[in-house]
N, C-alpha and C. Protein backbone atom coordinates (compact mmCIF):
# COMPACT_ATOMS: atom_id res chain seq x y z
N MET A 1 103.11 -29.80 -30.10
CA MET A 1 103.58 -29.42 -31.42
C MET A 1 104.23 -30.65 -32.08
N PRO A 2 103.96 -30.89 -33.35
CA PRO A 2 104.56 -32.06 -34.02
C PRO A 2 106.09 -32.03 -33.99
N LEU A 3 106.67 -33.20 -33.78
CA LEU A 3 108.13 -33.34 -33.74
C LEU A 3 108.78 -32.79 -35.00
N ILE A 4 108.14 -32.97 -36.16
CA ILE A 4 108.74 -32.53 -37.42
C ILE A 4 109.03 -31.03 -37.40
N ASN A 5 108.30 -30.26 -36.62
CA ASN A 5 108.54 -28.82 -36.54
C ASN A 5 109.88 -28.48 -35.90
N PHE A 6 110.47 -29.43 -35.18
CA PHE A 6 111.76 -29.21 -34.52
C PHE A 6 112.93 -29.80 -35.31
N ILE A 7 112.64 -30.46 -36.41
CA ILE A 7 113.68 -31.09 -37.23
C ILE A 7 114.00 -30.15 -38.38
N LYS A 8 115.20 -29.59 -38.36
CA LYS A 8 115.58 -28.55 -39.32
C LYS A 8 116.81 -28.97 -40.13
N ILE A 9 116.77 -28.66 -41.43
CA ILE A 9 117.91 -28.91 -42.31
C ILE A 9 119.10 -28.11 -41.78
N GLY A 10 120.27 -28.77 -41.74
CA GLY A 10 121.50 -28.11 -41.31
C GLY A 10 121.73 -28.13 -39.81
N GLU A 11 120.78 -28.72 -39.06
CA GLU A 11 120.91 -28.80 -37.61
C GLU A 11 120.93 -30.26 -37.17
N PRO A 12 121.47 -30.53 -35.97
CA PRO A 12 121.39 -31.90 -35.44
C PRO A 12 119.93 -32.27 -35.15
N MET A 13 119.67 -33.56 -35.00
CA MET A 13 118.34 -33.98 -34.59
C MET A 13 118.04 -33.34 -33.24
N PRO A 14 116.76 -33.08 -32.94
CA PRO A 14 116.42 -32.45 -31.65
C PRO A 14 116.92 -33.29 -30.47
N PRO A 15 117.26 -32.63 -29.36
CA PRO A 15 117.69 -33.35 -28.17
C PRO A 15 116.63 -34.36 -27.74
N GLY A 16 117.07 -35.51 -27.30
CA GLY A 16 116.14 -36.52 -26.82
C GLY A 16 115.71 -37.52 -27.86
N VAL A 17 116.01 -37.26 -29.16
CA VAL A 17 115.66 -38.23 -30.20
C VAL A 17 116.82 -39.21 -30.33
N PRO A 18 116.63 -40.45 -29.88
CA PRO A 18 117.74 -41.41 -29.92
C PRO A 18 117.98 -41.98 -31.31
N ASN A 19 119.08 -42.67 -31.43
CA ASN A 19 119.40 -43.46 -32.62
C ASN A 19 120.01 -44.75 -32.07
N ILE A 20 119.15 -45.66 -31.63
CA ILE A 20 119.61 -46.88 -30.95
C ILE A 20 118.95 -48.10 -31.58
N THR A 21 119.53 -49.25 -31.28
CA THR A 21 118.98 -50.54 -31.68
C THR A 21 118.38 -51.19 -30.44
N ALA A 22 117.33 -51.99 -30.65
CA ALA A 22 116.70 -52.69 -29.53
C ALA A 22 117.73 -53.54 -28.79
N PRO A 23 117.53 -53.74 -27.48
CA PRO A 23 118.52 -54.46 -26.67
C PRO A 23 118.62 -55.97 -26.92
N ARG A 24 117.70 -56.53 -27.69
CA ARG A 24 117.79 -57.96 -28.00
C ARG A 24 117.18 -58.25 -29.35
N ARG A 25 117.57 -59.41 -29.93
CA ARG A 25 117.02 -59.86 -31.21
C ARG A 25 115.55 -60.24 -31.04
N GLY A 26 114.82 -60.10 -32.13
CA GLY A 26 113.42 -60.50 -32.12
C GLY A 26 113.26 -61.97 -32.38
N ASN A 27 112.00 -62.41 -32.37
CA ASN A 27 111.68 -63.83 -32.59
C ASN A 27 111.06 -64.07 -33.96
N GLY A 28 111.19 -63.08 -34.85
CA GLY A 28 110.64 -63.21 -36.19
C GLY A 28 109.23 -62.67 -36.32
N GLY A 29 108.68 -62.11 -35.25
CA GLY A 29 107.32 -61.56 -35.26
C GLY A 29 107.24 -60.25 -34.51
N PHE A 30 106.08 -59.97 -33.94
CA PHE A 30 105.86 -58.71 -33.23
C PHE A 30 106.55 -58.70 -31.87
N ASP A 31 107.04 -57.50 -31.51
CA ASP A 31 107.66 -57.30 -30.21
C ASP A 31 107.49 -55.83 -29.85
N SER A 32 107.76 -55.48 -28.63
CA SER A 32 107.75 -54.09 -28.17
C SER A 32 108.87 -53.97 -27.15
N VAL A 33 110.09 -53.77 -27.65
CA VAL A 33 111.26 -53.76 -26.78
C VAL A 33 112.10 -52.50 -27.04
N GLY A 34 112.59 -51.91 -25.95
CA GLY A 34 113.46 -50.74 -26.06
C GLY A 34 112.74 -49.46 -26.46
N ILE A 35 111.42 -49.44 -26.35
CA ILE A 35 110.63 -48.27 -26.73
C ILE A 35 110.98 -47.11 -25.81
N VAL A 36 111.18 -45.93 -26.39
CA VAL A 36 111.50 -44.73 -25.62
C VAL A 36 110.34 -43.76 -25.78
N ARG A 37 109.68 -43.43 -24.67
CA ARG A 37 108.57 -42.48 -24.68
C ARG A 37 109.02 -41.15 -24.10
N ARG A 38 108.77 -40.10 -24.81
CA ARG A 38 109.08 -38.75 -24.35
C ARG A 38 107.77 -37.98 -24.26
N ASP A 39 107.06 -38.17 -23.15
CA ASP A 39 105.74 -37.54 -22.99
C ASP A 39 105.81 -36.02 -23.09
N SER A 40 106.86 -35.43 -22.55
CA SER A 40 106.95 -33.98 -22.60
C SER A 40 107.12 -33.49 -24.03
N ASP A 41 107.70 -34.30 -24.88
CA ASP A 41 107.92 -33.93 -26.28
C ASP A 41 106.89 -34.56 -27.21
N GLU A 42 105.98 -35.35 -26.65
CA GLU A 42 104.92 -36.00 -27.40
C GLU A 42 105.43 -36.86 -28.56
N PHE A 43 106.47 -37.65 -28.29
CA PHE A 43 106.88 -38.61 -29.31
C PHE A 43 107.33 -39.91 -28.68
N VAL A 44 107.31 -40.94 -29.51
CA VAL A 44 107.75 -42.27 -29.11
C VAL A 44 108.81 -42.71 -30.12
N PHE A 45 109.92 -43.24 -29.61
CA PHE A 45 110.97 -43.78 -30.47
C PHE A 45 110.89 -45.31 -30.43
N VAL A 46 110.78 -45.92 -31.60
CA VAL A 46 110.73 -47.37 -31.74
C VAL A 46 112.04 -47.81 -32.39
N PRO A 47 112.94 -48.45 -31.63
CA PRO A 47 114.24 -48.83 -32.21
C PRO A 47 114.14 -50.01 -33.17
N TYR A 48 115.08 -50.05 -34.09
CA TYR A 48 115.22 -51.20 -34.98
C TYR A 48 115.54 -52.43 -34.13
N GLN A 49 114.92 -53.55 -34.45
CA GLN A 49 115.18 -54.81 -33.75
C GLN A 49 115.50 -55.87 -34.80
N PRO A 50 116.75 -56.37 -34.83
CA PRO A 50 117.06 -57.44 -35.77
C PRO A 50 116.11 -58.63 -35.58
N ASN A 51 115.62 -59.18 -36.68
CA ASN A 51 114.71 -60.33 -36.67
C ASN A 51 113.42 -60.05 -35.91
N GLY A 52 112.90 -58.82 -36.08
CA GLY A 52 111.67 -58.49 -35.39
C GLY A 52 110.89 -57.38 -36.06
N ILE A 53 109.64 -57.27 -35.66
CA ILE A 53 108.80 -56.14 -36.01
C ILE A 53 108.53 -55.43 -34.70
N ASN A 54 109.38 -54.46 -34.41
CA ASN A 54 109.27 -53.73 -33.15
C ASN A 54 108.17 -52.69 -33.32
N ARG A 55 107.22 -52.66 -32.37
CA ARG A 55 106.05 -51.81 -32.54
C ARG A 55 105.64 -51.16 -31.22
N CYS A 56 104.83 -50.11 -31.36
CA CYS A 56 104.19 -49.50 -30.20
C CYS A 56 102.74 -49.21 -30.58
N GLU A 57 101.88 -49.28 -29.57
CA GLU A 57 100.49 -48.94 -29.82
C GLU A 57 100.40 -47.43 -30.04
N LEU A 58 99.59 -47.06 -30.99
CA LEU A 58 99.48 -45.67 -31.39
C LEU A 58 98.41 -44.95 -30.57
N HIS A 59 98.78 -43.77 -30.10
CA HIS A 59 97.84 -42.91 -29.39
C HIS A 59 97.79 -41.56 -30.10
N THR A 60 96.63 -40.96 -30.15
CA THR A 60 96.45 -39.67 -30.81
C THR A 60 97.41 -38.64 -30.22
N ASN A 61 97.83 -37.74 -31.06
CA ASN A 61 98.71 -36.61 -30.71
C ASN A 61 100.15 -37.02 -30.47
N TYR A 62 100.51 -38.27 -30.77
CA TYR A 62 101.90 -38.67 -30.63
C TYR A 62 102.54 -38.80 -32.00
N ASN A 63 103.82 -38.55 -32.02
CA ASN A 63 104.64 -38.76 -33.20
C ASN A 63 105.46 -40.01 -32.92
N VAL A 64 105.60 -40.88 -33.91
CA VAL A 64 106.38 -42.09 -33.73
C VAL A 64 107.53 -42.05 -34.72
N ILE A 65 108.75 -42.21 -34.20
CA ILE A 65 109.95 -42.13 -35.02
C ILE A 65 110.80 -43.37 -34.79
N SER A 66 111.53 -43.77 -35.82
CA SER A 66 112.46 -44.89 -35.74
C SER A 66 113.66 -44.55 -36.60
N SER A 67 114.74 -45.31 -36.44
CA SER A 67 115.95 -45.02 -37.22
C SER A 67 116.63 -46.31 -37.65
N GLY A 68 117.70 -46.14 -38.40
CA GLY A 68 118.49 -47.29 -38.84
C GLY A 68 117.93 -47.94 -40.09
N PHE A 69 117.23 -47.19 -40.91
CA PHE A 69 116.62 -47.78 -42.11
C PHE A 69 117.62 -47.91 -43.25
N THR A 70 117.84 -49.16 -43.65
CA THR A 70 118.69 -49.45 -44.80
C THR A 70 117.96 -50.35 -45.80
N GLY A 71 116.72 -50.66 -45.52
CA GLY A 71 115.92 -51.53 -46.38
C GLY A 71 114.66 -52.02 -45.69
N CYS A 72 114.54 -51.74 -44.39
CA CYS A 72 113.36 -52.14 -43.62
C CYS A 72 112.16 -51.27 -43.99
N LEU A 73 111.00 -51.64 -43.47
CA LEU A 73 109.78 -50.88 -43.68
C LEU A 73 109.38 -50.15 -42.40
N MET A 74 108.75 -49.01 -42.56
CA MET A 74 108.06 -48.32 -41.48
C MET A 74 106.59 -48.51 -41.79
N ALA A 75 105.81 -48.90 -40.79
CA ALA A 75 104.40 -49.20 -41.05
C ALA A 75 103.50 -48.67 -39.95
N LEU A 76 102.30 -48.31 -40.36
CA LEU A 76 101.21 -47.90 -39.49
C LEU A 76 100.05 -48.82 -39.85
N TRP A 77 99.44 -49.49 -38.85
CA TRP A 77 98.39 -50.44 -39.18
C TRP A 77 97.36 -50.55 -38.07
N GLN A 78 96.22 -51.14 -38.45
CA GLN A 78 95.14 -51.43 -37.51
C GLN A 78 94.94 -52.93 -37.46
N GLU A 79 94.80 -53.46 -36.25
CA GLU A 79 94.56 -54.89 -36.08
C GLU A 79 93.07 -55.15 -35.92
N GLN A 80 92.67 -56.42 -35.98
CA GLN A 80 91.26 -56.80 -35.89
C GLN A 80 90.56 -56.26 -34.66
N ASP A 81 91.30 -56.10 -33.57
CA ASP A 81 90.69 -55.61 -32.33
C ASP A 81 90.48 -54.09 -32.33
N GLY A 82 90.85 -53.44 -33.42
CA GLY A 82 90.64 -52.00 -33.56
C GLY A 82 91.80 -51.13 -33.12
N ARG A 83 92.82 -51.73 -32.50
CA ARG A 83 93.96 -50.94 -32.05
C ARG A 83 94.91 -50.65 -33.21
N TYR A 84 95.54 -49.48 -33.13
CA TYR A 84 96.51 -49.06 -34.14
C TYR A 84 97.92 -49.20 -33.60
N TYR A 85 98.85 -49.51 -34.50
CA TYR A 85 100.26 -49.66 -34.14
C TYR A 85 101.14 -48.99 -35.19
N VAL A 86 102.33 -48.60 -34.76
CA VAL A 86 103.39 -48.17 -35.67
C VAL A 86 104.59 -49.04 -35.37
N GLY A 87 105.26 -49.50 -36.42
CA GLY A 87 106.40 -50.37 -36.19
C GLY A 87 107.47 -50.30 -37.26
N HIS A 88 108.63 -50.79 -36.87
CA HIS A 88 109.81 -50.92 -37.73
C HIS A 88 109.87 -52.40 -38.12
N VAL A 89 109.59 -52.70 -39.39
CA VAL A 89 109.53 -54.08 -39.89
C VAL A 89 110.91 -54.47 -40.42
N GLY A 90 111.61 -55.33 -39.66
CA GLY A 90 112.95 -55.77 -40.05
C GLY A 90 112.91 -56.63 -41.30
N THR A 91 113.77 -56.28 -42.27
CA THR A 91 113.84 -57.04 -43.52
C THR A 91 115.28 -57.38 -43.91
N GLY A 92 116.21 -57.20 -42.99
CA GLY A 92 117.62 -57.37 -43.32
C GLY A 92 118.11 -58.80 -43.25
N ALA A 93 119.37 -58.96 -43.61
CA ALA A 93 120.02 -60.28 -43.60
C ALA A 93 120.11 -60.84 -42.19
N ASP A 94 120.01 -59.97 -41.17
CA ASP A 94 120.08 -60.43 -39.78
C ASP A 94 118.71 -60.82 -39.24
N GLY A 95 117.74 -60.97 -40.11
CA GLY A 95 116.40 -61.41 -39.72
C GLY A 95 115.32 -60.73 -40.54
N ASP A 96 114.86 -61.39 -41.57
CA ASP A 96 113.85 -60.83 -42.47
C ASP A 96 112.46 -61.27 -42.03
N CYS A 97 111.64 -60.32 -41.63
CA CYS A 97 110.28 -60.60 -41.15
C CYS A 97 109.22 -60.35 -42.21
N SER A 98 109.62 -60.21 -43.47
CA SER A 98 108.68 -59.91 -44.55
C SER A 98 107.58 -60.94 -44.67
N SER A 99 107.92 -62.22 -44.58
CA SER A 99 106.89 -63.25 -44.76
C SER A 99 105.88 -63.20 -43.60
N PHE A 100 106.34 -62.99 -42.37
CA PHE A 100 105.43 -62.86 -41.22
C PHE A 100 104.52 -61.65 -41.43
N TRP A 101 105.10 -60.52 -41.82
CA TRP A 101 104.35 -59.28 -42.03
C TRP A 101 103.31 -59.48 -43.14
N ASN A 102 103.74 -60.03 -44.28
CA ASN A 102 102.81 -60.23 -45.40
C ASN A 102 101.70 -61.21 -45.04
N ASN A 103 102.02 -62.24 -44.29
CA ASN A 103 101.00 -63.21 -43.86
C ASN A 103 99.93 -62.54 -42.99
N ARG A 104 100.37 -61.66 -42.09
CA ARG A 104 99.40 -60.95 -41.22
C ARG A 104 98.47 -60.06 -42.05
N LYS A 105 99.00 -59.45 -43.10
CA LYS A 105 98.17 -58.61 -43.96
C LYS A 105 97.20 -59.48 -44.78
N GLU A 106 97.68 -60.60 -45.26
CA GLU A 106 96.86 -61.47 -46.12
C GLU A 106 95.80 -62.24 -45.35
N ASN A 107 96.07 -62.63 -44.10
CA ASN A 107 95.10 -63.45 -43.37
C ASN A 107 94.03 -62.62 -42.66
N GLY A 108 94.09 -61.29 -42.79
CA GLY A 108 93.06 -60.44 -42.24
C GLY A 108 93.25 -59.99 -40.81
N SER A 109 94.33 -60.43 -40.15
CA SER A 109 94.54 -59.98 -38.78
C SER A 109 94.96 -58.51 -38.74
N ILE A 110 95.49 -58.01 -39.86
CA ILE A 110 95.73 -56.58 -40.03
C ILE A 110 94.66 -56.12 -41.02
N THR A 111 93.79 -55.21 -40.57
CA THR A 111 92.65 -54.82 -41.38
C THR A 111 92.91 -53.59 -42.25
N TRP A 112 93.91 -52.79 -41.91
CA TRP A 112 94.29 -51.61 -42.67
C TRP A 112 95.76 -51.33 -42.39
N TYR A 113 96.48 -50.88 -43.41
CA TYR A 113 97.90 -50.55 -43.18
C TYR A 113 98.40 -49.52 -44.17
N ASN A 114 99.47 -48.85 -43.78
CA ASN A 114 100.23 -47.95 -44.62
C ASN A 114 101.68 -48.29 -44.34
N GLU A 115 102.46 -48.54 -45.37
CA GLU A 115 103.87 -48.89 -45.18
C GLU A 115 104.71 -48.19 -46.24
N PHE A 116 105.97 -47.98 -45.91
CA PHE A 116 106.90 -47.43 -46.90
C PHE A 116 108.31 -47.85 -46.50
N LYS A 117 109.20 -47.80 -47.49
CA LYS A 117 110.61 -48.14 -47.27
C LYS A 117 111.40 -46.83 -47.27
N PRO A 118 111.74 -46.31 -46.08
CA PRO A 118 112.42 -45.01 -46.00
C PRO A 118 113.70 -44.92 -46.83
N SER A 119 114.46 -45.99 -46.89
CA SER A 119 115.73 -45.93 -47.62
C SER A 119 115.54 -45.67 -49.11
N ASP A 120 114.35 -45.93 -49.65
CA ASP A 120 114.08 -45.64 -51.07
C ASP A 120 114.11 -44.14 -51.36
N TYR A 121 114.01 -43.32 -50.32
CA TYR A 121 113.92 -41.87 -50.51
C TYR A 121 115.24 -41.15 -50.24
N ILE A 122 116.28 -41.89 -49.91
CA ILE A 122 117.58 -41.26 -49.63
C ILE A 122 118.18 -40.73 -50.93
N ARG A 123 118.49 -39.45 -50.94
CA ARG A 123 119.11 -38.82 -52.11
C ARG A 123 120.62 -38.73 -51.88
N PRO A 124 121.38 -38.40 -52.93
CA PRO A 124 122.84 -38.26 -52.74
C PRO A 124 123.15 -37.25 -51.64
N MET A 125 124.21 -37.53 -50.91
CA MET A 125 124.62 -36.66 -49.80
C MET A 125 125.26 -35.38 -50.36
N PRO A 126 125.16 -34.28 -49.61
CA PRO A 126 125.84 -33.05 -50.03
C PRO A 126 127.35 -33.27 -50.10
N SER A 127 128.01 -32.52 -50.92
CA SER A 127 129.45 -32.63 -51.10
C SER A 127 130.17 -32.51 -49.75
N GLY A 128 131.06 -33.46 -49.48
CA GLY A 128 131.84 -33.44 -48.25
C GLY A 128 131.17 -34.13 -47.08
N TYR A 129 129.96 -34.64 -47.25
CA TYR A 129 129.22 -35.31 -46.18
C TYR A 129 129.09 -36.80 -46.45
N ALA A 130 129.10 -37.57 -45.38
CA ALA A 130 128.89 -39.02 -45.46
C ALA A 130 127.56 -39.36 -44.78
N PHE A 131 126.83 -40.29 -45.36
CA PHE A 131 125.56 -40.73 -44.78
C PHE A 131 125.77 -41.17 -43.34
N SER A 132 124.83 -40.79 -42.44
CA SER A 132 124.89 -41.21 -41.05
C SER A 132 123.75 -42.17 -40.74
N THR A 133 122.49 -41.70 -40.81
CA THR A 133 121.35 -42.61 -40.58
C THR A 133 120.11 -42.08 -41.27
N CYS A 134 119.16 -42.98 -41.42
CA CYS A 134 117.86 -42.65 -42.02
C CYS A 134 116.79 -42.88 -40.97
N TYR A 135 116.01 -41.85 -40.68
CA TYR A 135 114.89 -41.92 -39.75
C TYR A 135 113.59 -41.95 -40.54
N ALA A 136 112.56 -42.52 -39.94
CA ALA A 136 111.20 -42.44 -40.48
C ALA A 136 110.30 -41.96 -39.36
N LEU A 137 109.32 -41.16 -39.72
CA LEU A 137 108.46 -40.52 -38.73
C LEU A 137 107.02 -40.52 -39.23
N TYR A 138 106.12 -40.94 -38.37
CA TYR A 138 104.69 -40.68 -38.58
C TYR A 138 104.35 -39.54 -37.63
N SER A 139 103.98 -38.40 -38.20
CA SER A 139 103.71 -37.20 -37.42
C SER A 139 102.21 -36.92 -37.45
N PHE A 140 101.64 -36.73 -36.27
CA PHE A 140 100.20 -36.47 -36.16
C PHE A 140 99.93 -34.98 -36.33
N ASP A 141 99.05 -34.64 -37.25
CA ASP A 141 98.64 -33.26 -37.48
C ASP A 141 97.29 -33.06 -36.81
N ASP A 142 97.29 -32.34 -35.70
CA ASP A 142 96.07 -32.15 -34.92
C ASP A 142 95.03 -31.33 -35.66
N THR A 143 95.46 -30.44 -36.53
CA THR A 143 94.53 -29.61 -37.29
C THR A 143 93.67 -30.47 -38.22
N TYR A 144 94.35 -31.36 -38.96
CA TYR A 144 93.64 -32.19 -39.94
C TYR A 144 93.30 -33.58 -39.41
N ARG A 145 93.72 -33.86 -38.18
CA ARG A 145 93.43 -35.16 -37.53
C ARG A 145 93.91 -36.32 -38.39
N GLN A 146 95.14 -36.24 -38.86
CA GLN A 146 95.71 -37.30 -39.68
C GLN A 146 97.21 -37.40 -39.46
N PHE A 147 97.76 -38.54 -39.89
CA PHE A 147 99.21 -38.75 -39.81
C PHE A 147 99.85 -38.49 -41.15
N THR A 148 101.05 -37.92 -41.10
CA THR A 148 101.86 -37.70 -42.29
C THR A 148 103.15 -38.47 -42.11
N ALA A 149 103.61 -39.12 -43.18
CA ALA A 149 104.87 -39.87 -43.14
C ALA A 149 106.01 -38.97 -43.61
N TRP A 150 107.14 -39.10 -42.92
CA TRP A 150 108.34 -38.32 -43.24
C TRP A 150 109.55 -39.24 -43.27
N VAL A 151 110.54 -38.85 -44.07
CA VAL A 151 111.87 -39.47 -44.07
C VAL A 151 112.86 -38.36 -43.73
N ILE A 152 113.71 -38.62 -42.76
CA ILE A 152 114.73 -37.66 -42.34
C ILE A 152 116.08 -38.36 -42.45
N VAL A 153 117.02 -37.71 -43.13
CA VAL A 153 118.35 -38.30 -43.32
C VAL A 153 119.38 -37.39 -42.69
N THR A 154 120.28 -38.01 -41.91
CA THR A 154 121.39 -37.24 -41.34
C THR A 154 122.69 -37.67 -42.00
N ALA A 155 123.64 -36.73 -42.01
CA ALA A 155 124.97 -36.98 -42.58
C ALA A 155 125.97 -36.20 -41.75
N LYS A 156 127.24 -36.56 -41.91
CA LYS A 156 128.26 -35.84 -41.14
C LYS A 156 129.54 -35.66 -41.94
N ARG A 157 130.32 -34.69 -41.48
CA ARG A 157 131.65 -34.44 -42.04
C ARG A 157 132.67 -34.82 -40.98
N SER A 158 133.68 -35.52 -41.38
CA SER A 158 134.78 -35.99 -40.51
C SER A 158 134.35 -36.19 -39.06
N ASN A 159 134.82 -35.37 -38.14
CA ASN A 159 134.56 -35.57 -36.72
C ASN A 159 133.40 -34.74 -36.18
N GLU A 160 132.63 -34.14 -37.05
CA GLU A 160 131.50 -33.32 -36.61
C GLU A 160 130.29 -34.21 -36.32
N PRO A 161 129.38 -33.75 -35.45
CA PRO A 161 128.16 -34.53 -35.21
C PRO A 161 127.27 -34.50 -36.45
N PRO A 162 126.44 -35.53 -36.61
CA PRO A 162 125.55 -35.57 -37.78
C PRO A 162 124.53 -34.42 -37.75
N ILE A 163 124.20 -33.95 -38.95
CA ILE A 163 123.16 -32.94 -39.10
C ILE A 163 122.10 -33.46 -40.07
N VAL A 164 120.93 -32.87 -40.02
CA VAL A 164 119.86 -33.23 -40.93
C VAL A 164 120.18 -32.65 -42.31
N VAL A 165 120.19 -33.51 -43.33
CA VAL A 165 120.47 -33.04 -44.70
C VAL A 165 119.26 -33.26 -45.61
N GLN A 166 118.33 -34.11 -45.19
CA GLN A 166 117.12 -34.33 -45.99
C GLN A 166 115.92 -34.45 -45.06
N ARG A 167 114.82 -33.83 -45.44
CA ARG A 167 113.58 -33.84 -44.68
C ARG A 167 112.47 -33.92 -45.72
N ILE A 168 111.94 -35.11 -45.91
CA ILE A 168 111.05 -35.37 -47.05
C ILE A 168 109.67 -35.81 -46.54
N MET A 169 108.63 -35.09 -46.94
CA MET A 169 107.28 -35.48 -46.61
C MET A 169 106.77 -36.40 -47.72
N LEU A 170 106.19 -37.53 -47.33
CA LEU A 170 105.68 -38.48 -48.33
C LEU A 170 104.21 -38.25 -48.59
């Protein structure tokens, strides 16, 4: 079942969905570090990596989620060898990989891509809540054999755990 079916407004993120940063800085290009695979839940978590494009190879029937979006891109792409990847493209002051990413698209090593900036979809928080984090998700729909992009925003009140306040299909 797609992960998005377990993400509900007014509830915490489902158990097992982390909100972590990769354990080391990137080198300004592609990496695959700190990836969390939950086979029983059919999802992969790709953590934000400062100065990196943290990615995982895409497999059918998996959902790929990442967090910590404040200006980075979430991307799904195909490389020349035919393999597909999903990644968190770092664009922050702690390491902007935009030029590396754009060069890969322009030189043809990436033959197809879909990208979006999750933070562009964050709406004002409900009264009394403070922004917690922004997640992005590519969810595989087995019925239609396609991926759908989602933005999920969590917020919290004082000492309470964060809850989902926005769930937006792109």
